[in-house]
Amino acid sequence: MIIILTLALSSDAAAPQGALTLKEIMQGLRNDLIKITDGLLVDDLALIAEGARGIAQHPSIPADQVELVAAELAAEMPAFKQWDTQVHELSVELEAAAARNDRDAVYRSYRALSEGCLACHAAYKERVSRVLAAAAAP
């Protein structure tokens, strides 16, 4: 249940010690998207593949935060999960395209990946940030 509630949430909720919070995971995803963009700009397919792999293999959200997000989104969770699945699949496609030096497929996958990230961000960031901030408040 992840990818791109946001590219950077505005607050943390508690997570098990050592586990990354959703905010930290999202910040890592943002950094991976920046790697991909940078790779495109300097024509570095290895950097593109590295960023795509980071997105595809991102850490799991701590269970307590998944519960908070699921409770907030309720009936919207299937749509949220669909964004997660789509972005995951596109990041896998992007990594494969970079590995085979298929620049046309890299560009197509990158555009679709970026659109998926931003659409999910626009749809869910505010609400998810709010619920995580409320959970983190003393």
Protein backbone atom coordinates (compact mmCIF):
# COMPACT_ATOMS: atom_id res chain seq x y z
CA MET A 1 0.00 0.00 0.00
CA ILE A 2 2.29 2.71 -1.04
CA ILE A 3 3.62 4.54 -3.85
CA ILE A 4 3.14 7.92 -4.00
CA LEU A 5 0.73 9.13 -1.50
CA THR A 6 3.15 11.92 -1.71
CA LEU A 7 6.62 12.72 -2.82
CA ALA A 8 7.26 14.15 0.63
CA LEU A 9 4.75 13.94 3.44
CA SER A 10 4.62 16.79 5.88
CA SER A 11 4.74 14.72 9.08
CA ASP A 12 5.74 11.37 10.57
CA ALA A 13 3.71 8.89 12.56
CA ALA A 14 5.45 6.46 14.87
CA ALA A 15 6.97 3.37 13.29
CA PRO A 16 8.71 0.36 14.79
CA GLN A 17 12.30 1.12 15.73
CA GLY A 18 14.55 0.66 12.71
CA ALA A 19 11.66 0.66 10.24
CA LEU A 20 11.34 3.54 7.84
CA THR A 21 8.27 5.71 8.22
CA LEU A 22 6.00 6.37 5.28
CA LYS A 23 7.45 9.87 5.05
CA GLU A 24 10.97 8.47 4.81
CA ILE A 25 9.88 5.94 2.21
CA MET A 26 8.26 8.68 0.15
CA GLN A 27 11.40 10.80 0.40
CA GLY A 28 13.39 7.84 -0.90
CA LEU A 29 10.96 7.44 -3.79
CA ARG A 30 11.36 11.13 -4.58
CA ASN A 31 15.13 10.69 -4.59
CA ASP A 32 14.81 7.70 -6.93
CA LEU A 33 12.59 9.69 -9.29
CA ILE A 34 15.20 12.45 -9.27
CA LYS A 35 17.88 9.85 -10.16
CA ILE A 36 15.79 8.75 -13.12
CA THR A 37 15.26 12.33 -14.27
CA ASP A 38 18.94 13.10 -13.86
CA GLY A 39 19.82 9.97 -15.81
CA LEU A 40 17.58 11.09 -18.63
CA LEU A 41 19.18 14.52 -18.69
CA VAL A 42 22.75 13.17 -18.82
CA ASP A 43 21.93 10.07 -20.89
CA ASP A 44 22.97 7.65 -18.12
CA LEU A 45 20.92 4.48 -18.52
CA ALA A 46 22.59 2.86 -15.49
CA LEU A 47 21.41 5.74 -13.28
CA ILE A 48 17.92 5.44 -14.76
CA ALA A 49 17.88 1.72 -14.00
CA GLU A 50 19.14 2.35 -10.45
CA GLY A 51 16.37 4.85 -9.75
CA ALA A 52 13.71 2.60 -11.25
CA ARG A 53 14.95 -0.35 -9.19
CA GLY A 54 14.78 1.79 -6.05
CA ILE A 55 11.14 2.58 -6.75
CA ALA A 56 10.27 -1.03 -7.59
CA GLN A 57 11.96 -2.38 -4.47
CA HIS A 58 11.04 0.32 -1.97
CA PRO A 59 10.66 -0.73 1.68
CA SER A 60 7.26 -1.69 3.02
CA ILE A 61 5.20 0.79 4.99
CA PRO A 62 5.06 -0.07 8.69
CA ALA A 63 1.86 -1.97 9.49
CA ASP A 64 0.62 0.67 11.95
CA GLN A 65 0.84 3.33 9.25
CA VAL A 66 -0.85 1.08 6.68
CA GLU A 67 -3.75 0.74 9.13
CA LEU A 68 -3.99 4.51 9.56
CA VAL A 69 -3.95 5.11 5.80
CA ALA A 70 -6.48 2.33 5.16
CA ALA A 71 -8.81 3.72 7.81
CA GLU A 72 -8.59 7.20 6.30
CA LEU A 73 -9.03 6.14 2.68
CA ALA A 74 -11.60 3.41 3.41
CA ALA A 75 -13.49 2.72 0.18
CA GLU A 76 -10.77 4.51 -1.81
CA MET A 77 -8.14 1.91 -0.87
CA PRO A 78 -8.64 -0.14 -4.06
CA ALA A 79 -7.97 2.97 -6.17
CA PHE A 80 -4.95 3.79 -4.04
CA LYS A 81 -3.66 0.24 -4.40
CA GLN A 82 -4.17 0.50 -8.16
CA TRP A 83 -1.85 3.52 -8.27
CA ASP A 84 0.69 1.58 -6.22
CA THR A 85 0.54 -1.38 -8.57
CA GLN A 86 0.71 0.77 -11.68
CA VAL A 87 3.76 2.71 -10.47
CA HIS A 88 5.48 -0.51 -9.41
CA GLU A 89 4.90 -2.11 -12.81
CA LEU A 90 6.07 1.01 -14.63
CA SER A 91 9.26 1.16 -12.57
CA VAL A 92 9.98 -2.49 -13.45
CA GLU A 93 9.35 -1.72 -17.13
CA LEU A 94 11.57 1.34 -16.92
CA GLU A 95 14.45 -0.61 -15.39
CA ALA A 96 14.14 -3.29 -18.08
CA ALA A 97 14.01 -0.70 -20.87
CA ALA A 98 17.14 0.99 -19.52
CA ALA A 99 18.92 -2.37 -19.28
CA ARG A 100 18.23 -3.12 -22.94
CA ASN A 101 19.14 0.44 -24.02
CA ASP A 102 15.64 1.08 -25.38
CA ARG A 103 15.45 4.83 -25.03
CA ASP A 104 11.98 5.11 -26.58
CA ALA A 105 10.59 2.68 -23.99
CA VAL A 106 12.52 4.48 -21.24
CA TYR A 107 10.86 7.78 -22.19
CA ARG A 108 7.38 6.24 -22.40
CA SER A 109 7.75 4.47 -19.06
CA TYR A 110 9.19 7.56 -17.40
CA ARG A 111 6.32 9.76 -18.56
CA ALA A 112 3.72 7.25 -17.38
CA LEU A 113 5.56 6.70 -14.09
CA SER A 114 5.77 10.44 -13.42
CA GLU A 115 2.09 10.91 -14.25
CA GLY A 116 1.14 8.07 -11.90
CA CYS A 117 3.25 9.46 -9.07
CA LEU A 118 1.85 12.96 -9.44
CA ALA A 119 -1.76 11.81 -9.79
CA CYS A 120 -1.56 9.74 -6.62
CA HIS A 121 0.21 12.60 -4.85
CA ALA A 122 -2.54 15.02 -5.82
CA ALA A 123 -5.29 12.63 -4.79
CA TYR A 124 -3.99 11.47 -1.40
CA LYS A 125 -1.12 13.55 0.00
CA GLU A 126 -3.13 16.00 2.06
CA ARG A 127 -5.33 13.41 3.75
CA VAL A 128 -2.56 10.94 4.42
CA SER A 129 -0.30 13.66 5.81
CA ARG A 130 -3.08 14.82 8.09
CA VAL A 131 -3.84 11.36 9.48
CA LEU A 132 -0.17 10.56 10.06
CA ALA A 133 0.40 13.92 11.75
CA ALA A 134 -2.57 13.33 14.05
CA ALA A 135 -1.22 9.90 14.99
CA ALA A 136 2.22 11.35 15.75
CA ALA A 137 0.87 14.19 17.91
CA PRO A 138 1.29 13.69 21.67
